[in-house]
PDB file of N, CA and C in Angstrom:
ATOM      1  N   UNK A   1      10.515 -34.556  50.846  1.00  0.00           N
ATOM      2  CA  UNK A   1       9.749 -35.168  49.729  1.00  0.00           C
ATOM      3  C   UNK A   1      10.331 -36.584  49.589  1.00  0.00           C
ATOM      4  N   UNK A   2       9.531 -37.424  48.784  1.00  0.00           N
ATOM      5  CA  UNK A   2       9.830 -38.600  48.859  1.00  0.00           C
ATOM      6  C   UNK A   2      10.568 -38.800  47.541  1.00  0.00           C
ATOM      7  N   UNK A   3      11.424 -40.012  47.338  1.00  0.00           N
ATOM      8  CA  UNK A   3      12.354 -40.218  46.092  1.00  0.00           C
ATOM      9  C   UNK A   3      11.450 -40.507  44.957  1.00  0.00           C
ATOM     10  N   UNK A   4      10.262 -41.158  45.046  1.00  0.00           N
ATOM     11  CA  UNK A   4       9.514 -41.286  43.842  1.00  0.00           C
ATOM     12  C   UNK A   4       8.776 -39.942  43.346  1.00  0.00           C
ATOM     13  N   UNK A   5       8.509 -39.127  44.096  1.00  0.00           N
ATOM     14  CA  UNK A   5       7.898 -37.711  43.771  1.00  0.00           C
ATOM     15  C   UNK A   5       9.103 -36.966  43.081  1.00  0.00           C
ATOM     16  N   UNK A   6      10.206 -37.064  43.880  1.00  0.00           N
ATOM     17  CA  UNK A   6      11.449 -36.239  43.186  1.00  0.00           C
ATOM     18  C   UNK A   6      11.622 -36.706  41.689  1.00  0.00           C
ATOM     19  N   UNK A   7      11.603 -38.114  41.522  1.00  0.00           N
ATOM     20  CA  UNK A   7      11.964 -38.647  40.161  1.00  0.00           C
ATOM     21  C   UNK A   7      10.667 -38.261  39.264  1.00  0.00           C
ATOM     22  N   UNK A   8       9.627 -38.175  39.631  1.00  0.00           N
ATOM     23  CA  UNK A   8       8.469 -37.867  38.876  1.00  0.00           C
ATOM     24  C   UNK A   8       8.448 -36.306  38.377  1.00  0.00           C
ATOM     25  N   UNK A   9       8.726 -35.551  39.300  1.00  0.00           N
ATOM     26  CA  UNK A   9       9.075 -33.945  39.189  1.00  0.00           C
ATOM     27  C   UNK A   9      10.403 -33.710  38.109  1.00  0.00           C
ATOM     28  N   UNK A  10      11.283 -34.413  38.216  1.00  0.00           N
ATOM     29  CA  UNK A  10      12.306 -34.440  37.464  1.00  0.00           C
ATOM     30  C   UNK A  10      12.011 -34.896  35.984  1.00  0.00           C
ATOM     31  N   UNK A  11      11.168 -36.145  36.025  1.00  0.00           N
ATOM     32  CA  UNK A  11      11.027 -36.553  34.480  1.00  0.00           C
ATOM     33  C   UNK A  11      10.006 -35.533  33.858  1.00  0.00           C
ATOM     34  N   UNK A  12       9.075 -34.990  34.897  1.00  0.00           N
ATOM     35  CA  UNK A  12       7.889 -33.728  33.993  1.00  0.00           C
ATOM     36  C   UNK A  12       9.063 -32.571  33.509  1.00  0.00           C
ATOM     37  N   UNK A  13       9.708 -32.274  34.452  1.00  0.00           N
ATOM     38  CA  UNK A  13      10.648 -30.957  34.061  1.00  0.00           C
ATOM     39  C   UNK A  13      11.266 -31.519  32.557  1.00  0.00           C
ATOM     40  N   UNK A  14      11.838 -32.498  32.563  1.00  0.00           N
ATOM     41  CA  UNK A  14      12.873 -32.986  31.281  1.00  0.00           C
ATOM     42  C   UNK A  14      11.830 -33.183  29.967  1.00  0.00           C
ATOM     43  N   UNK A  15      10.689 -33.775  30.370  1.00  0.00           N
ATOM     44  CA  UNK A  15       9.628 -33.673  29.383  1.00  0.00           C
ATOM     45  C   UNK A  15       9.303 -32.515  28.926  1.00  0.00           C
ATOM     46  N   UNK A  16       8.934 -31.422  29.803  1.00  0.00           N
ATOM     47  CA  UNK A  16       8.466 -29.982  29.540  1.00  0.00           C
ATOM     48  C   UNK A  16       9.525 -29.131  28.798  1.00  0.00           C
ATOM     49  N   UNK A  17      10.814 -29.445  28.879  1.00  0.00           N
ATOM     50  CA  UNK A  17      11.557 -28.817  28.582  1.00  0.00           C
ATOM     51  C   UNK A  17      12.074 -29.339  26.993  1.00  0.00           C
ATOM     52  N   UNK A  18      12.006 -30.616  26.774  1.00  0.00           N
ATOM     53  CA  UNK A  18      12.042 -31.287  25.616  1.00  0.00           C
ATOM     54  C   UNK A  18      10.892 -30.703  24.773  1.00  0.00           C
ATOM     55  N   UNK A  19       9.608 -30.749  25.233  1.00  0.00           N
ATOM     56  CA  UNK A  19       8.392 -30.152  24.525  1.00  0.00           C
ATOM     57  C   UNK A  19       8.895 -28.665  23.983  1.00  0.00           C
ATOM     58  N   UNK A  20       9.217 -28.128  24.662  1.00  0.00           N
ATOM     59  CA  UNK A  20       9.261 -26.522  24.593  1.00  0.00           C
ATOM     60  C   UNK A  20      10.253 -26.347  23.634  1.00  0.00           C
ATOM     61  N   UNK A  21      11.568 -27.105  23.771  1.00  0.00           N
ATOM     62  CA  UNK A  21      12.454 -27.031  22.872  1.00  0.00           C
ATOM     63  C   UNK A  21      12.198 -27.373  21.202  1.00  0.00           C
ATOM     64  N   UNK A  22      11.391 -28.690  21.301  1.00  0.00           N
ATOM     65  CA  UNK A  22      10.918 -28.910  19.935  1.00  0.00           C
ATOM     66  C   UNK A  22       9.816 -28.234  19.339  1.00  0.00           C
ATOM     67  N   UNK A  23       8.972 -27.293  20.110  1.00  0.00           N
ATOM     68  CA  UNK A  23       7.968 -26.559  19.662  1.00  0.00           C
ATOM     69  C   UNK A  23       8.584 -25.074  19.227  1.00  0.00           C
ATOM     70  N   UNK A  24       9.573 -24.812  19.892  1.00  0.00           N
ATOM     71  CA  UNK A  24      10.116 -23.204  19.746  1.00  0.00           C
ATOM     72  C   UNK A  24      11.035 -23.370  18.551  1.00  0.00           C
ATOM     73  N   UNK A  25      12.018 -24.518  18.325  1.00  0.00           N
ATOM     74  CA  UNK A  25      12.660 -24.389  17.463  1.00  0.00           C
ATOM     75  C   UNK A  25      12.204 -24.574  15.959  1.00  0.00           C
ATOM     76  N   UNK A  26      12.880 -23.971  14.796  1.00  0.00           N
ATOM     77  CA  UNK A  26      12.570 -24.092  13.433  1.00  0.00           C
ATOM     78  C   UNK A  26      12.698 -25.747  12.899  1.00  0.00           C
ATOM     79  N   UNK A  27      11.966 -25.988  12.152  1.00  0.00           N
ATOM     80  CA  UNK A  27      11.823 -27.344  11.553  1.00  0.00           C
ATOM     81  C   UNK A  27      12.853 -27.351  10.533  1.00  0.00           C
ATOM     82  N   UNK A  28      13.828 -28.282  10.966  1.00  0.00           N
ATOM     83  CA  UNK A  28      15.035 -28.450   9.933  1.00  0.00           C
ATOM     84  C   UNK A  28      14.733 -29.418   8.950  1.00  0.00           C
ATOM     85  N   UNK A  29      15.388 -28.767   7.726  1.00  0.00           N
ATOM     86  CA  UNK A  29      15.134 -29.604   6.555  1.00  0.00           C
ATOM     87  C   UNK A  29      15.969 -30.911   6.637  1.00  0.00           C
ATOM     88  N   UNK A  30      15.308 -31.912   5.826  1.00  0.00           N
ATOM     89  CA  UNK A  30      16.142 -33.265   6.081  1.00  0.00           C
ATOM     90  C   UNK A  30      17.267 -33.316   4.967  1.00  0.00           C
ATOM     91  N   UNK A  31      18.322 -33.994   5.109  1.00  0.00           N
ATOM     92  CA  UNK A  31      19.387 -33.981   4.343  1.00  0.00           C
ATOM     93  C   UNK A  31      19.262 -34.383   3.034  1.00  0.00           C
ATOM     94  N   UNK A  32      20.210 -33.805   2.372  1.00  0.00           N
ATOM     95  CA  UNK A  32      19.888 -34.044   0.761  1.00  0.00           C
ATOM     96  C   UNK A  32      19.852 -35.657   0.346  1.00  0.00           C
ATOM     97  N   UNK A  33      20.655 -36.475   1.055  1.00  0.00           N
ATOM     98  CA  UNK A  33      20.574 -37.809   0.767  1.00  0.00           C
ATOM     99  C   UNK A  33      19.360 -38.698   1.147  1.00  0.00           C
ATOM    100  N   UNK A  34      18.456 -38.115   2.243  1.00  0.00           N
ATOM    101  CA  UNK A  34      17.338 -38.648   2.619  1.00  0.00           C
ATOM    102  C   UNK A  34      16.254 -38.299   1.701  1.00  0.00           C
ATOM    103  N   UNK A  35      16.367 -37.122   1.234  1.00  0.00           N
ATOM    104  CA  UNK A  35      15.124 -36.782   0.319  1.00  0.00           C
ATOM    105  C   UNK A  35      15.463 -37.384  -1.059  1.00  0.00           C
ATOM    106  N   UNK A  36      16.592 -38.077  -1.565  1.00  0.00           N
ATOM    107  CA  UNK A  36      16.599 -38.550  -2.537  1.00  0.00           C
ATOM    108  C   UNK A  36      16.273 -40.097  -2.385  1.00  0.00           C
ATOM    109  N   UNK A  37      16.409 -40.625  -1.119  1.00  0.00           N
ATOM    110  CA  UNK A  37      16.136 -42.053  -0.978  1.00  0.00           C
ATOM    111  C   UNK A  37      14.795 -42.226  -0.166  1.00  0.00           C
ATOM    112  N   UNK A  38      14.119 -41.054   0.105  1.00  0.00           N
ATOM    113  CA  UNK A  38      12.983 -41.176   1.039  1.00  0.00           C
ATOM    114  C   UNK A  38      11.794 -42.297   0.477  1.00  0.00           C
ATOM    115  N   UNK A  39      11.535 -42.273  -0.608  1.00  0.00           N
ATOM    116  CA  UNK A  39      10.551 -43.346  -1.197  1.00  0.00           C
ATOM    117  C   UNK A  39      11.060 -44.916  -1.017  1.00  0.00           C
ATOM    118  N   UNK A  40      12.438 -45.042  -1.188  1.00  0.00           N
ATOM    119  CA  UNK A  40      12.787 -46.250  -1.015  1.00  0.00           C
ATOM    120  C   UNK A  40      12.996 -46.659   0.334  1.00  0.00           C
ATOM    121  N   UNK A  41      13.273 -45.830   1.348  1.00  0.00           N
ATOM    122  CA  UNK A  41      13.280 -45.970   2.659  1.00  0.00           C
ATOM    123  C   UNK A  41      12.036 -46.490   3.204  1.00  0.00           C
ATOM    124  N   UNK A  42      10.929 -45.812   2.780  1.00  0.00           N
ATOM    125  CA  UNK A  42       9.348 -45.889   3.332  1.00  0.00           C
ATOM    126  C   UNK A  42       9.203 -47.358   2.663  1.00  0.00           C
ATOM    127  N   UNK A  43       9.765 -47.680   1.574  1.00  0.00           N
ATOM    128  CA  UNK A  43       9.383 -49.095   1.047  1.00  0.00           C
ATOM    129  C   UNK A  43       9.933 -50.371   1.875  1.00  0.00           C
ATOM    130  N   UNK A  44      10.999 -50.118   2.231  1.00  0.00           N
ATOM    131  CA  UNK A  44      11.927 -50.810   3.207  1.00  0.00           C
ATOM    132  C   UNK A  44      11.074 -51.134   4.464  1.00  0.00           C
ATOM    133  N   UNK A  45      10.508 -50.182   5.130  1.00  0.00           N
ATOM    134  CA  UNK A  45       9.753 -50.115   6.541  1.00  0.00           C
ATOM    135  C   UNK A  45      10.808 -50.550   7.649  1.00  0.00           C
ATOM    136  N   UNK A  46      10.123 -50.779   8.573  1.00  0.00           N
ATOM    137  CA  UNK A  46      10.893 -51.401   9.924  1.00  0.00           C
ATOM    138  C   UNK A  46      11.536 -52.773   9.656  1.00  0.00           C
ATOM    139  N   UNK A  47      12.571 -52.675  10.477  1.00  0.00           N
ATOM    140  CA  UNK A  47      13.346 -54.025  10.349  1.00  0.00           C
ATOM    141  C   UNK A  47      12.486 -54.914  11.139  1.00  0.00           C
ATOM    142  N   UNK A  48      12.252 -56.380  10.764  1.00  0.00           N
ATOM    143  CA  UNK A  48      11.548 -57.274  11.269  1.00  0.00           C
ATOM    144  C   UNK A  48      12.698 -58.299  12.176  1.00  0.00           C
ATOM    145  N   UNK A  49      11.823 -58.700  13.507  1.00  0.00           N
ATOM    146  CA  UNK A  49      12.730 -59.335  14.356  1.00  0.00           C
ATOM    147  C   UNK A  49      12.885 -60.835  13.674  1.00  0.00           C
ATOM    148  N   UNK A  50      12.055 -61.503  13.006  1.00  0.00           N
ATOM    149  CA  UNK A  50      12.196 -62.729  12.356  1.00  0.00           C
ATOM    150  C   UNK A  50      13.410 -62.593  11.495  1.00  0.00           C
ATOM    151  N   UNK A  51      13.868 -61.508  11.060  1.00  0.00           N
ATOM    152  CA  UNK A  51      15.130 -61.582   9.940  1.00  0.00           C
ATOM    153  C   UNK A  51      16.391 -61.757  10.518  1.00  0.00           C
ATOM    154  N   UNK A  52      16.311 -61.701  11.869  1.00  0.00           N
ATOM    155  CA  UNK A  52      17.831 -61.867  12.644  1.00  0.00           C
ATOM    156  C   UNK A  52      18.017 -63.250  12.702  1.00  0.00           C
ATOM    157  N   UNK A  53      19.285 -63.519  12.279  1.00  0.00           N
ATOM    158  CA  UNK A  53      19.594 -65.215  12.372  1.00  0.00           C
ATOM    159  C   UNK A  53      19.776 -65.670  13.832  1.00  0.00           C
ATOM    160  N   UNK A  54      19.179 -66.813  13.781  1.00  0.00           N
ATOM    161  CA  UNK A  54      19.360 -67.531  15.109  1.00  0.00           C
ATOM    162  C   UNK A  54      20.706 -67.900  15.578  1.00  0.00           C
ATOM    163  N   UNK A  55      21.592 -68.267  14.685  1.00  0.00           N
ATOM    164  CA  UNK A  55      22.793 -68.756  14.928  1.00  0.00           C
ATOM    165  C   UNK A  55      24.087 -67.826  14.751  1.00  0.00           C
ATOM    166  N   UNK A  56      25.139 -68.115  15.230  1.00  0.00           N
ATOM    167  CA  UNK A  56      26.281 -67.123  15.332  1.00  0.00           C
ATOM    168  C   UNK A  56      27.171 -68.141  14.456  1.00  0.00           C
ATOM    169  N   UNK A  57      28.021 -67.304  13.334  1.00  0.00           N
ATOM    170  CA  UNK A  57      28.894 -67.708  12.575  1.00  0.00           C
ATOM    171  C   UNK A  57      30.286 -67.210  13.006  1.00  0.00           C
ATOM    172  N   UNK A  58      30.567 -67.454  14.271  1.00  0.00           N
ATOM    173  CA  UNK A  58      31.715 -67.022  14.735  1.00  0.00           C
ATOM    174  C   UNK A  58      33.088 -68.235  14.517  1.00  0.00           C
ATOM    175  N   UNK A  59      34.073 -67.777  14.010  1.00  0.00           N
ATOM    176  CA  UNK A  59      35.022 -68.902  13.781  1.00  0.00           C
ATOM    177  C   UNK A  59      35.591 -69.089  15.301  1.00  0.00           C
ATOM    178  N   UNK A  60      35.712 -70.048  15.781  1.00  0.00           N
ATOM    179  CA  UNK A  60      36.218 -70.206  17.248  1.00  0.00           C
ATOM    180  C   UNK A  60      37.492 -71.008  17.197  1.00  0.00           C
ATOM    181  N   UNK A  61      38.137 -71.574  15.894  1.00  0.00           N
ATOM    182  CA  UNK A  61      39.450 -72.170  15.941  1.00  0.00           C
ATOM    183  C   UNK A  61      40.416 -71.400  16.028  1.00  0.00           C
ATOM    184  N   UNK A  62      41.019 -71.769  17.416  1.00  0.00           N
ATOM    185  CA  UNK A  62      42.147 -71.106  17.961  1.00  0.00           C
ATOM    186  C   UNK A  62      43.288 -71.226  16.921  1.00  0.00           C
ATOM    187  N   UNK A  63      43.720 -72.148  16.212  1.00  0.00           N
ATOM    188  CA  UNK A  63      44.805 -72.422  15.248  1.00  0.00           C
ATOM    189  C   UNK A  63      44.666 -71.245  14.143  1.00  0.00           C
ATOM    190  N   UNK A  64      43.283 -70.829  13.794  1.00  0.00           N
ATOM    191  CA  UNK A  64      43.241 -69.882  12.677  1.00  0.00           C
ATOM    192  C   UNK A  64      43.437 -68.370  13.415  1.00  0.00           C
ATOM    193  N   UNK A  65      43.217 -68.167  14.459  1.00  0.00           N
ATOM    194  CA  UNK A  65      43.486 -66.960  15.341  1.00  0.00           C
ATOM    195  C   UNK A  65      44.797 -66.742  15.608  1.00  0.00           C
ATOM    196  N   UNK A  66      45.830 -67.723  15.954  1.00  0.00           N
ATOM    197  CA  UNK A  66      47.080 -67.706  16.155  1.00  0.00           C
ATOM    198  C   UNK A  66      47.596 -67.417  14.770  1.00  0.00           C
ATOM    199  N   UNK A  67      47.279 -68.014  13.587  1.00  0.00           N
ATOM    200  CA  UNK A  67      47.739 -67.543  12.278  1.00  0.00           C
ATOM    201  C   UNK A  67      47.341 -66.091  11.835  1.00  0.00           C
ATOM    202  N   UNK A  68      46.331 -65.913  12.225  1.00  0.00           N
ATOM    203  CA  UNK A  68      46.036 -64.350  12.010  1.00  0.00           C
ATOM    204  C   UNK A  68      46.612 -63.284  12.853  1.00  0.00           C
ATOM    205  N   UNK A  69      47.237 -63.872  13.943  1.00  0.00           N
ATOM    206  CA  UNK A  69      47.965 -63.001  14.944  1.00  0.00           C
ATOM    207  C   UNK A  69      49.306 -63.072  14.316  1.00  0.00           C
ATOM    208  N   UNK A  70      49.959 -64.172  13.866  1.00  0.00           N
ATOM    209  CA  UNK A  70      51.278 -64.215  13.376  1.00  0.00           C
ATOM    210  C   UNK A  70      51.515 -63.234  12.175  1.00  0.00           C
ATOM    211  N   UNK A  71      50.387 -63.166  11.286  1.00  0.00           N
ATOM    212  CA  UNK A  71      50.393 -62.171  10.142  1.00  0.00           C
ATOM    213  C   UNK A  71      50.405 -60.868  10.593  1.00  0.00           C
ATOM    214  N   UNK A  72      49.476 -60.692  11.417  1.00  0.00           N
ATOM    215  CA  UNK A  72      49.575 -59.346  11.757  1.00  0.00           C
ATOM    216  C   UNK A  72      50.637 -58.920  12.558  1.00  0.00           C
ATOM    217  N   UNK A  73      51.574 -59.818  13.224  1.00  0.00           N
ATOM    218  CA  UNK A  73      52.493 -59.312  13.980  1.00  0.00           C
ATOM    219  C   UNK A  73      53.985 -59.185  12.992  1.00  0.00           C
ATOM    220  N   UNK A  74      53.737 -59.881  11.946  1.00  0.00           N
ATOM    221  CA  UNK A  74      54.891 -59.938  10.852  1.00  0.00           C
ATOM    222  C   UNK A  74      54.531 -58.491  10.082  1.00  0.00           C
ATOM    223  N   UNK A  75      53.196 -57.997   9.876  1.00  0.00           N
ATOM    224  CA  UNK A  75      53.003 -56.914   9.084  1.00  0.00           C
ATOM    225  C   UNK A  75      53.308 -55.642   9.822  1.00  0.00           C
ATOM    226  N   UNK A  76      53.029 -55.845  11.237  1.00  0.00           N
ATOM    227  CA  UNK A  76      53.455 -54.695  12.133  1.00  0.00           C
ATOM    228  C   UNK A  76      55.195 -54.683  12.100  1.00  0.00           C
ATOM    229  N   UNK A  77      55.677 -55.500  12.111  1.00  0.00           N
ATOM    230  CA  UNK A  77      57.277 -55.397  12.103  1.00  0.00           C
ATOM    231  C   UNK A  77      57.773 -54.988  10.881  1.00  0.00           C
ATOM    232  N   UNK A  78      57.178 -55.453   9.610  1.00  0.00           N
ATOM    233  CA  UNK A  78      57.498 -54.674   8.644  1.00  0.00           C
ATOM    234  C   UNK A  78      57.199 -53.234   8.407  1.00  0.00           C
ATOM    235  N   UNK A  79      56.134 -52.891   9.089  1.00  0.00           N
ATOM    236  CA  UNK A  79      55.765 -51.580   9.256  1.00  0.00           C
ATOM    237  C   UNK A  79      56.704 -50.827   9.925  1.00  0.00           C
ATOM    238  N   UNK A  80      56.899 -51.470  11.203  1.00  0.00           N
ATOM    239  CA  UNK A  80      58.049 -50.667  12.112  1.00  0.00           C
ATOM    240  C   UNK A  80      59.575 -50.445  11.352  1.00  0.00           C
ATOM    241  N   UNK A  81      59.833 -51.275  10.427  1.00  0.00           N
ATOM    242  CA  UNK A  81      61.053 -51.381   9.970  1.00  0.00           C
ATOM    243  C   UNK A  81      61.261 -50.472   8.555  1.00  0.00           C
ATOM    244  N   UNK A  82      60.114 -50.168   8.030  1.00  0.00           N
ATOM    245  CA  UNK A  82      60.126 -49.269   7.061  1.00  0.00           C
ATOM    246  C   UNK A  82      60.848 -47.682   7.598  1.00  0.00           C
ATOM    247  N   UNK A  83      61.651 -47.507   6.799  1.00  0.00           N
ATOM    248  CA  UNK A  83      62.109 -45.863   6.924  1.00  0.00           C
ATOM    249  C   UNK A  83      60.914 -44.856   7.042  1.00  0.00           C
ATOM    250  N   UNK A  84      59.968 -45.014   6.380  1.00  0.00           N
ATOM    251  CA  UNK A  84      58.884 -44.056   6.468  1.00  0.00           C
ATOM    252  C   UNK A  84      58.197 -43.816   7.965  1.00  0.00           C
ATOM    253  N   UNK A  85      58.604 -44.918   8.704  1.00  0.00           N
ATOM    254  CA  UNK A  85      57.812 -45.045   9.971  1.00  0.00           C
ATOM    255  C   UNK A  85      58.884 -44.288  11.098  1.00  0.00           C
ATOM    256  N   UNK A  86      59.915 -43.734  10.725  1.00  0.00           N
ATOM    257  CA  UNK A  86      60.639 -42.963  11.725  1.00  0.00           C
ATOM    258  C   UNK A  86      59.956 -41.448  12.011  1.00  0.00           C
ATOM    259  N   UNK A  87      60.474 -41.096  13.134  1.00  0.00           N
ATOM    260  CA  UNK A  87      59.814 -40.051  13.639  1.00  0.00           C
ATOM    261  C   UNK A  87      60.435 -38.818  13.115  1.00  0.00           C
ATOM    262  N   UNK A  88      59.520 -37.687  12.804  1.00  0.00           N
ATOM    263  CA  UNK A  88      60.049 -36.481  12.202  1.00  0.00           C
ATOM    264  C   UNK A  88      61.243 -35.833  12.732  1.00  0.00           C
ATOM    265  N   UNK A  89      62.187 -35.215  12.185  1.00  0.00           N
ATOM    266  CA  UNK A  89      63.399 -34.400  12.933  1.00  0.00           C
ATOM    267  C   UNK A  89      62.518 -33.497  13.745  1.00  0.00           C
ATOM    268  N   UNK A  90      63.502 -33.258  14.760  1.00  0.00           N
ATOM    269  CA  UNK A  90      62.995 -32.032  15.765  1.00  0.00           C
ATOM    270  C   UNK A  90      62.964 -30.830  14.963  1.00  0.00           C
ATOM    271  N   UNK A  91      62.562 -29.678  15.579  1.00  0.00           N
ATOM    272  CA  UNK A  91      62.592 -28.556  15.112  1.00  0.00           C
ATOM    273  C   UNK A  91      63.745 -27.943  14.815  1.00  0.00           C
ATOM    274  N   UNK A  92      64.836 -28.177  16.075  1.00  0.00           N
ATOM    275  CA  UNK A  92      66.031 -27.570  15.774  1.00  0.00           C
ATOM    276  C   UNK A  92      66.565 -28.243  14.413  1.00  0.00           C
ATOM    277  N   UNK A  93      66.807 -29.565  14.637  1.00  0.00           N
ATOM    278  CA  UNK A  93      67.417 -30.102  13.430  1.00  0.00           C
ATOM    279  C   UNK A  93      66.717 -29.497  11.960  1.00  0.00           C
ATOM    280  N   UNK A  94      65.438 -29.505  11.858  1.00  0.00           N
ATOM    281  CA  UNK A  94      64.859 -28.987  10.791  1.00  0.00           C
ATOM    282  C   UNK A  94      65.400 -27.373  10.444  1.00  0.00           C
ATOM    283  N   UNK A  95      65.473 -26.592  11.444  1.00  0.00           N
ATOM    284  CA  UNK A  95      66.224 -25.402  11.266  1.00  0.00           C
ATOM    285  C   UNK A  95      67.472 -25.588  10.774  1.00  0.00           C
ATOM    286  N   UNK A  96      68.305 -26.353  11.455  1.00  0.00           N
ATOM    287  CA  UNK A  96      69.791 -26.555  10.910  1.00  0.00           C
ATOM    288  C   UNK A  96      69.828 -26.855   9.470  1.00  0.00           C
ATOM    289  N   UNK A  97      68.974 -28.005   9.061  1.00  0.00           N
ATOM    290  CA  UNK A  97      68.971 -28.292   7.685  1.00  0.00           C
ATOM    291  C   UNK A  97      68.708 -27.382   6.695  1.00  0.00           C
ATOM    292  N   UNK A  98      67.754 -26.415   6.967  1.00  0.00           N
ATOM    293  CA  UNK A  98      66.953 -25.386   6.316  1.00  0.00           C
ATOM    294  C   UNK A  98      68.317 -24.262   6.044  1.00  0.00           C
ATOM    295  N   UNK A  99      69.003 -24.010   7.197  1.00  0.00           N
ATOM    296  CA  UNK A  99      69.944 -23.068   7.293  1.00  0.00           C
ATOM    297  C   UNK A  99      71.188 -23.603   6.202  1.00  0.00           C
ATOM    298  N   UNK A 100      71.632 -24.913   6.580  1.00  0.00           N
ATOM    299  CA  UNK A 100      72.508 -25.565   5.613  1.00  0.00           C
ATOM    300  C   UNK A 100      72.088 -25.569   4.092  1.00  0.00           C
ATOM    301  N   UNK A 101      71.060 -25.887   3.940  1.00  0.00           N
ATOM    302  CA  UNK A 101      70.448 -25.757   2.315  1.00  0.00           C
ATOM    303  C   UNK A 101      70.599 -24.342   1.934  1.00  0.00           C
ATOM    304  N   UNK A 102      70.064 -23.512   2.661  1.00  0.00           N
ATOM    305  CA  UNK A 102      70.049 -21.955   2.104  1.00  0.00           C
ATOM    306  C   UNK A 102      71.531 -21.539   1.983  1.00  0.00           C
ATOM    307  N   UNK A 103      72.492 -21.891   2.841  1.00  0.00           N
ATOM    308  CA  UNK A 103      73.954 -21.465   2.818  1.00  0.00           C
ATOM    309  C   UNK A 103      74.566 -22.133   1.567  1.00  0.00           C
ATOM    310  N   UNK A 104      74.294 -23.198   1.328  1.00  0.00           N
ATOM    311  CA  UNK A 104      74.572 -23.976  -0.080  1.00  0.00           C
ATOM    312  C   UNK A 104      74.161 -23.536  -1.268  1.00  0.00           C
ATOM    313  N   UNK A 105      72.845 -23.086  -1.254  1.00  0.00           N
ATOM    314  CA  UNK A 105      72.512 -22.586  -2.407  1.00  0.00           C
ATOM    315  C   UNK A 105      72.785 -21.260  -2.446  1.00  0.00           C
ATOM    316  N   UNK A 106      73.091 -20.392  -1.595  1.00  0.00           N
ATOM    317  CA  UNK A 106      73.622 -19.081  -1.840  1.00  0.00           C
ATOM    318  C   UNK A 106      75.040 -19.138  -2.491  1.00  0.00           C
ATOM    319  N   UNK A 107      75.722 -20.038  -1.912  1.00  0.00           N
ATOM    320  CA  UNK A 107      77.207 -20.396  -2.132  1.00  0.00           C
ATOM    321  C   UNK A 107      77.056 -20.820  -3.892  1.00  0.00           C
ATOM    322  N   UNK A 108      76.300 -21.808  -4.233  1.00  0.00           N
ATOM    323  CA  UNK A 108      76.009 -22.261  -5.593  1.00  0.00           C
ATOM    324  C   UNK A 108      75.854 -21.223  -6.576  1.00  0.00           C
ATOM    325  N   UNK A 109      74.919 -20.113  -6.013  1.00  0.00           N
ATOM    326  CA  UNK A 109      74.629 -18.893  -6.900  1.00  0.00           C
ATOM    327  C   UNK A 109      75.547 -18.163  -7.093  1.00  0.00           C
ATOM    328  N   UNK A 110      76.304 -17.802  -5.971  1.00  0.00           N
ATOM    329  CA  UNK A 110      77.436 -16.876  -6.052  1.00  0.00           C
ATOM    330  C   UNK A 110      78.533 -17.620  -6.781  1.00  0.00           C
ATOM    331  N   UNK A 111      78.872 -18.913  -6.805  1.00  0.00           N
ATOM    332  CA  UNK A 111      79.898 -19.528  -7.759  1.00  0.00           C
ATOM    333  C   UNK A 111      79.313 -19.375  -9.230  1.00  0.00           C
ATOM    334  N   UNK A 112      78.183 -19.385  -9.392  1.00  0.00           N
ATOM    335  CA  UNK A 112      77.640 -19.341 -10.870  1.00  0.00           C
ATOM    336  C   UNK A 112      77.815 -17.877 -11.290  1.00  0.00           C
ATOM    337  N   UNK A 113      77.497 -16.908 -10.434  1.00  0.00           N
ATOM    338  CA  UNK A 113      77.454 -15.630 -10.780  1.00  0.00           C
ATOM    339  C   UNK A 113      79.095 -14.980 -11.084  1.00  0.00           C
ATOM    340  N   UNK A 114      80.072 -15.579 -10.374  1.00  0.00           N
ATOM    341  CA  UNK A 114      81.430 -15.326 -10.669  1.00  0.00           C
ATOM    342  C   UNK A 114      82.124 -15.973 -11.945  1.00  0.00           C
ATOM    343  N   UNK A 115      81.344 -17.151 -12.440  1.00  0.00           N
ATOM    344  CA  UNK A 115      81.763 -17.860 -13.682  1.00  0.00           C
ATOM    345  C   UNK A 115      81.505 -16.957 -14.849  1.00  0.00           C
ATOM    346  N   UNK A 116      80.394 -16.225 -14.716  1.00  0.00           N
ATOM    347  CA  UNK A 116      79.758 -15.475 -15.877  1.00  0.00           C
ATOM    348  C   UNK A 116      80.285 -14.133 -16.155  1.00  0.00           C
TER     349      UNK A 116
END
């Protein structure tokens, strides 16, 4: 079997499967946002190729991007220095802290009970 014939048969099989899938499936309702904007979307029509700008407004000034990079690096350093960026305690450390808290709370309750 030639490669062209094999590709043709494969394309025919895919097309047939897609057609059967589309014909046998229930038609899904469009989403609510589409129903609300359907008239507006129809008025917009298809985009026109003539509306694509011809020029590119990219900033190619290396000094500008060096300044942006230094600002981002400073912000990243400030983020890493923040106490909130520390890793959470391990499960063992959390268990030990919970046990210590519970023992202190029970001790405080017992001390309050003995005072009255």
